Amino acid sequence: MYTVILAYRNAHEHPEKEAALLKEPVQQEWVSYPEAERYSGLSHTTLWRYVTSGTLKAARVGRSVRIHLPSLRLFMEERTGVAADK
């Protein structure tokens, strides 16, 4: 309860700081399985196999699993040969 009150109070004391923070784009580095599926076109099972084998970085947060998007990008680039051309 106190956290909510403090956050509300701080936001209203410094509205310019809040507006600046809201305008900054956030780069998402950790994505859920459905987001990783949409990004890569791979199935949930295929992604799960690569995560459990250690090929893709992933982190468990509670019951959720988040896949490291940069490692997924690198994985996909390596499979197409793009990374080897650079």
N, C-alpha and C. Protein backbone atom coordinates (compact mmCIF):
# COMPACT_ATOMS: atom_id res chain seq x y z
N MET A 1 0.82 -1.18 0.00
CA MET A 1 0.00 0.00 0.00
C MET A 1 0.86 1.25 0.00
N TYR A 2 1.93 1.25 0.80
CA TYR A 2 2.79 2.42 0.87
C TYR A 2 3.53 2.64 -0.45
N THR A 3 3.87 1.55 -1.13
CA THR A 3 4.57 1.66 -2.40
C THR A 3 3.69 2.37 -3.43
N VAL A 4 2.43 2.03 -3.46
CA VAL A 4 1.49 2.65 -4.41
C VAL A 4 1.38 4.13 -4.12
N ILE A 5 1.27 4.49 -2.87
CA ILE A 5 1.15 5.90 -2.50
C ILE A 5 2.42 6.66 -2.88
N LEU A 6 3.58 6.07 -2.60
CA LEU A 6 4.84 6.74 -2.93
C LEU A 6 5.01 6.89 -4.43
N ALA A 7 4.66 5.85 -5.20
CA ALA A 7 4.78 5.93 -6.65
C ALA A 7 3.86 7.00 -7.21
N TYR A 8 2.65 7.07 -6.68
CA TYR A 8 1.69 8.09 -7.12
C TYR A 8 2.20 9.48 -6.78
N ARG A 9 2.72 9.63 -5.59
CA ARG A 9 3.22 10.92 -5.13
C ARG A 9 4.44 11.35 -5.95
N ASN A 10 5.39 10.43 -6.18
CA ASN A 10 6.60 10.76 -6.95
C ASN A 10 6.28 11.11 -8.39
N ALA A 11 5.32 10.42 -8.98
CA ALA A 11 4.95 10.69 -10.36
C ALA A 11 4.36 12.08 -10.51
N HIS A 12 3.60 12.52 -9.52
CA HIS A 12 2.99 13.84 -9.60
C HIS A 12 3.94 14.95 -9.19
N GLU A 13 4.99 14.63 -8.46
CA GLU A 13 5.97 15.64 -8.10
C GLU A 13 6.91 15.96 -9.25
N HIS A 14 7.16 14.98 -10.11
CA HIS A 14 8.10 15.14 -11.22
C HIS A 14 7.47 14.65 -12.53
N PRO A 15 6.47 15.34 -13.04
CA PRO A 15 5.80 14.87 -14.26
C PRO A 15 6.72 14.88 -15.48
N GLU A 16 7.70 15.78 -15.52
CA GLU A 16 8.62 15.80 -16.67
C GLU A 16 9.49 14.56 -16.71
N LYS A 17 9.91 14.06 -15.55
CA LYS A 17 10.70 12.83 -15.50
C LYS A 17 9.87 11.64 -15.95
N GLU A 18 8.63 11.59 -15.52
CA GLU A 18 7.74 10.50 -15.90
C GLU A 18 7.50 10.52 -17.41
N ALA A 19 7.27 11.69 -17.97
CA ALA A 19 7.03 11.81 -19.41
C ALA A 19 8.25 11.39 -20.20
N ALA A 20 9.45 11.76 -19.74
CA ALA A 20 10.68 11.38 -20.42
C ALA A 20 10.88 9.87 -20.39
N LEU A 21 10.59 9.25 -19.26
CA LEU A 21 10.74 7.80 -19.15
C LEU A 21 9.75 7.06 -20.05
N LEU A 22 8.55 7.58 -20.17
CA LEU A 22 7.54 6.92 -20.99
C LEU A 22 7.84 7.06 -22.48
N LYS A 23 8.58 8.08 -22.88
CA LYS A 23 8.90 8.29 -24.29
C LYS A 23 10.05 7.42 -24.77
N GLU A 24 10.92 6.98 -23.85
CA GLU A 24 12.07 6.17 -24.23
C GLU A 24 11.61 4.80 -24.71
N PRO A 25 12.10 4.36 -25.88
CA PRO A 25 11.73 3.01 -26.33
C PRO A 25 12.44 1.96 -25.48
N VAL A 26 11.74 0.89 -25.21
CA VAL A 26 12.30 -0.19 -24.41
C VAL A 26 12.64 -1.34 -25.35
N GLN A 27 13.89 -1.77 -25.31
CA GLN A 27 14.31 -2.92 -26.10
C GLN A 27 14.06 -4.17 -25.28
N GLN A 28 13.23 -5.04 -25.78
CA GLN A 28 12.90 -6.26 -25.07
C GLN A 28 13.93 -7.32 -25.41
N GLU A 29 14.64 -7.81 -24.40
CA GLU A 29 15.66 -8.83 -24.63
C GLU A 29 15.19 -10.22 -24.27
N TRP A 30 14.15 -10.34 -23.48
CA TRP A 30 13.66 -11.63 -23.04
C TRP A 30 12.20 -11.75 -23.48
N VAL A 31 11.89 -12.82 -24.22
CA VAL A 31 10.55 -12.98 -24.76
C VAL A 31 9.96 -14.32 -24.34
N SER A 32 8.65 -14.41 -24.37
CA SER A 32 7.94 -15.65 -24.03
C SER A 32 8.02 -16.61 -25.22
N TYR A 33 7.60 -17.86 -24.96
CA TYR A 33 7.57 -18.83 -26.05
C TYR A 33 6.71 -18.37 -27.23
N PRO A 34 5.48 -17.88 -27.00
CA PRO A 34 4.68 -17.44 -28.15
C PRO A 34 5.35 -16.31 -28.96
N GLU A 35 6.01 -15.38 -28.27
CA GLU A 35 6.71 -14.30 -28.97
C GLU A 35 7.90 -14.86 -29.76
N ALA A 36 8.61 -15.80 -29.18
CA ALA A 36 9.74 -16.43 -29.87
C ALA A 36 9.26 -17.24 -31.07
N GLU A 37 8.11 -17.88 -30.92
CA GLU A 37 7.53 -18.62 -32.04
C GLU A 37 7.20 -17.69 -33.20
N ARG A 38 6.57 -16.54 -32.89
CA ARG A 38 6.23 -15.57 -33.96
C ARG A 38 7.48 -15.01 -34.60
N TYR A 39 8.51 -14.74 -33.79
CA TYR A 39 9.74 -14.17 -34.33
C TYR A 39 10.45 -15.15 -35.26
N SER A 40 10.57 -16.41 -34.83
CA SER A 40 11.39 -17.36 -35.56
C SER A 40 10.62 -18.23 -36.54
N GLY A 41 9.33 -18.40 -36.31
CA GLY A 41 8.56 -19.32 -37.14
C GLY A 41 8.73 -20.77 -36.72
N LEU A 42 9.43 -21.00 -35.62
CA LEU A 42 9.63 -22.36 -35.11
C LEU A 42 8.50 -22.71 -34.15
N SER A 43 8.25 -24.01 -34.00
CA SER A 43 7.19 -24.45 -33.10
C SER A 43 7.65 -24.37 -31.64
N HIS A 44 6.69 -24.44 -30.75
CA HIS A 44 6.98 -24.42 -29.31
C HIS A 44 7.89 -25.59 -28.94
N THR A 45 7.60 -26.76 -29.48
CA THR A 45 8.38 -27.96 -29.17
C THR A 45 9.82 -27.82 -29.65
N THR A 46 10.01 -27.28 -30.84
CA THR A 46 11.37 -27.09 -31.36
C THR A 46 12.15 -26.11 -30.51
N LEU A 47 11.51 -24.99 -30.16
CA LEU A 47 12.17 -24.02 -29.28
C LEU A 47 12.50 -24.66 -27.94
N TRP A 48 11.59 -25.44 -27.39
CA TRP A 48 11.80 -26.11 -26.11
C TRP A 48 13.01 -27.03 -26.18
N ARG A 49 13.16 -27.77 -27.29
CA ARG A 49 14.32 -28.66 -27.45
C ARG A 49 15.63 -27.87 -27.44
N TYR A 50 15.67 -26.75 -28.14
CA TYR A 50 16.89 -25.94 -28.17
C TYR A 50 17.17 -25.29 -26.82
N VAL A 51 16.13 -24.93 -26.08
CA VAL A 51 16.32 -24.35 -24.75
C VAL A 51 16.86 -25.41 -23.79
N THR A 52 16.25 -26.60 -23.80
CA THR A 52 16.68 -27.64 -22.87
C THR A 52 18.07 -28.18 -23.21
N SER A 53 18.46 -28.12 -24.48
CA SER A 53 19.81 -28.58 -24.85
C SER A 53 20.87 -27.52 -24.57
N GLY A 54 20.44 -26.28 -24.27
CA GLY A 54 21.39 -25.21 -23.99
C GLY A 54 21.79 -24.41 -25.22
N THR A 55 21.22 -24.73 -26.36
CA THR A 55 21.53 -24.01 -27.60
C THR A 55 21.01 -22.58 -27.53
N LEU A 56 19.83 -22.41 -26.94
CA LEU A 56 19.25 -21.08 -26.75
C LEU A 56 19.28 -20.74 -25.27
N LYS A 57 19.61 -19.49 -24.96
CA LYS A 57 19.59 -19.04 -23.57
C LYS A 57 18.14 -18.80 -23.15
N ALA A 58 17.83 -19.24 -21.94
CA ALA A 58 16.50 -19.01 -21.40
C ALA A 58 16.60 -18.87 -19.89
N ALA A 59 15.62 -18.20 -19.31
CA ALA A 59 15.58 -18.02 -17.86
C ALA A 59 14.18 -18.35 -17.37
N ARG A 60 14.14 -19.03 -16.25
CA ARG A 60 12.86 -19.33 -15.62
C ARG A 60 12.62 -18.28 -14.55
N VAL A 61 11.46 -17.64 -14.62
CA VAL A 61 11.05 -16.65 -13.63
C VAL A 61 9.72 -17.14 -13.08
N GLY A 62 9.75 -17.72 -11.90
CA GLY A 62 8.56 -18.35 -11.36
C GLY A 62 8.21 -19.55 -12.23
N ARG A 63 6.99 -19.56 -12.74
CA ARG A 63 6.58 -20.65 -13.64
C ARG A 63 6.77 -20.28 -15.10
N SER A 64 7.17 -19.04 -15.37
CA SER A 64 7.34 -18.56 -16.74
C SER A 64 8.76 -18.82 -17.23
N VAL A 65 8.89 -19.00 -18.52
CA VAL A 65 10.20 -19.13 -19.16
C VAL A 65 10.32 -17.99 -20.15
N ARG A 66 11.46 -17.34 -20.14
CA ARG A 66 11.74 -16.27 -21.09
C ARG A 66 12.99 -16.63 -21.88
N ILE A 67 12.89 -16.49 -23.19
CA ILE A 67 13.99 -16.81 -24.10
C ILE A 67 14.75 -15.54 -24.41
N HIS A 68 16.07 -15.64 -24.42
CA HIS A 68 16.94 -14.50 -24.68
C HIS A 68 16.89 -14.20 -26.18
N LEU A 69 16.28 -13.08 -26.55
CA LEU A 69 16.06 -12.74 -27.96
C LEU A 69 17.36 -12.60 -28.75
N PRO A 70 18.42 -11.95 -28.20
CA PRO A 70 19.67 -11.89 -28.96
C PRO A 70 20.24 -13.27 -29.28
N SER A 71 20.11 -14.24 -28.37
CA SER A 71 20.62 -15.58 -28.66
C SER A 71 19.76 -16.25 -29.72
N LEU A 72 18.45 -15.97 -29.74
CA LEU A 72 17.58 -16.51 -30.78
C LEU A 72 17.92 -15.90 -32.13
N ARG A 73 18.18 -14.59 -32.15
CA ARG A 73 18.58 -13.93 -33.42
C ARG A 73 19.87 -14.55 -33.96
N LEU A 74 20.86 -14.71 -33.08
CA LEU A 74 22.14 -15.29 -33.50
C LEU A 74 21.94 -16.71 -33.99
N PHE A 75 21.13 -17.47 -33.30
CA PHE A 75 20.82 -18.84 -33.69
C PHE A 75 20.22 -18.88 -35.10
N MET A 76 19.27 -18.01 -35.37
CA MET A 76 18.63 -17.98 -36.68
C MET A 76 19.61 -17.52 -37.76
N GLU A 77 20.44 -16.53 -37.45
CA GLU A 77 21.43 -16.06 -38.42
C GLU A 77 22.45 -17.14 -38.74
N GLU A 78 22.89 -17.89 -37.74
CA GLU A 78 23.85 -18.97 -37.97
C GLU A 78 23.27 -20.04 -38.88
N ARG A 79 21.96 -20.28 -38.75
CA ARG A 79 21.32 -21.31 -39.57
C ARG A 79 21.17 -20.87 -41.02
N THR A 80 21.15 -19.55 -41.27
CA THR A 80 21.01 -19.07 -42.65
C THR A 80 22.35 -18.76 -43.30
N GLY A 81 23.42 -18.76 -42.51
CA GLY A 81 24.73 -18.44 -43.04
C GLY A 81 25.03 -16.96 -43.07
N VAL A 82 24.12 -16.11 -42.57
CA VAL A 82 24.31 -14.67 -42.58
C VAL A 82 25.48 -14.28 -41.68
N ALA A 83 25.58 -14.88 -40.51
CA ALA A 83 26.65 -14.54 -39.55
C ALA A 83 28.01 -14.92 -40.11
N ALA A 84 28.08 -15.99 -40.91
CA ALA A 84 29.36 -16.42 -41.48
C ALA A 84 29.85 -15.46 -42.56
N ASP A 85 28.90 -14.75 -43.22
CA ASP A 85 29.28 -13.83 -44.29
C ASP A 85 29.85 -12.52 -43.76
N LYS A 86 29.58 -12.18 -42.52
CA LYS A 86 30.02 -10.90 -41.97
C LYS A 86 31.48 -10.92 -41.61
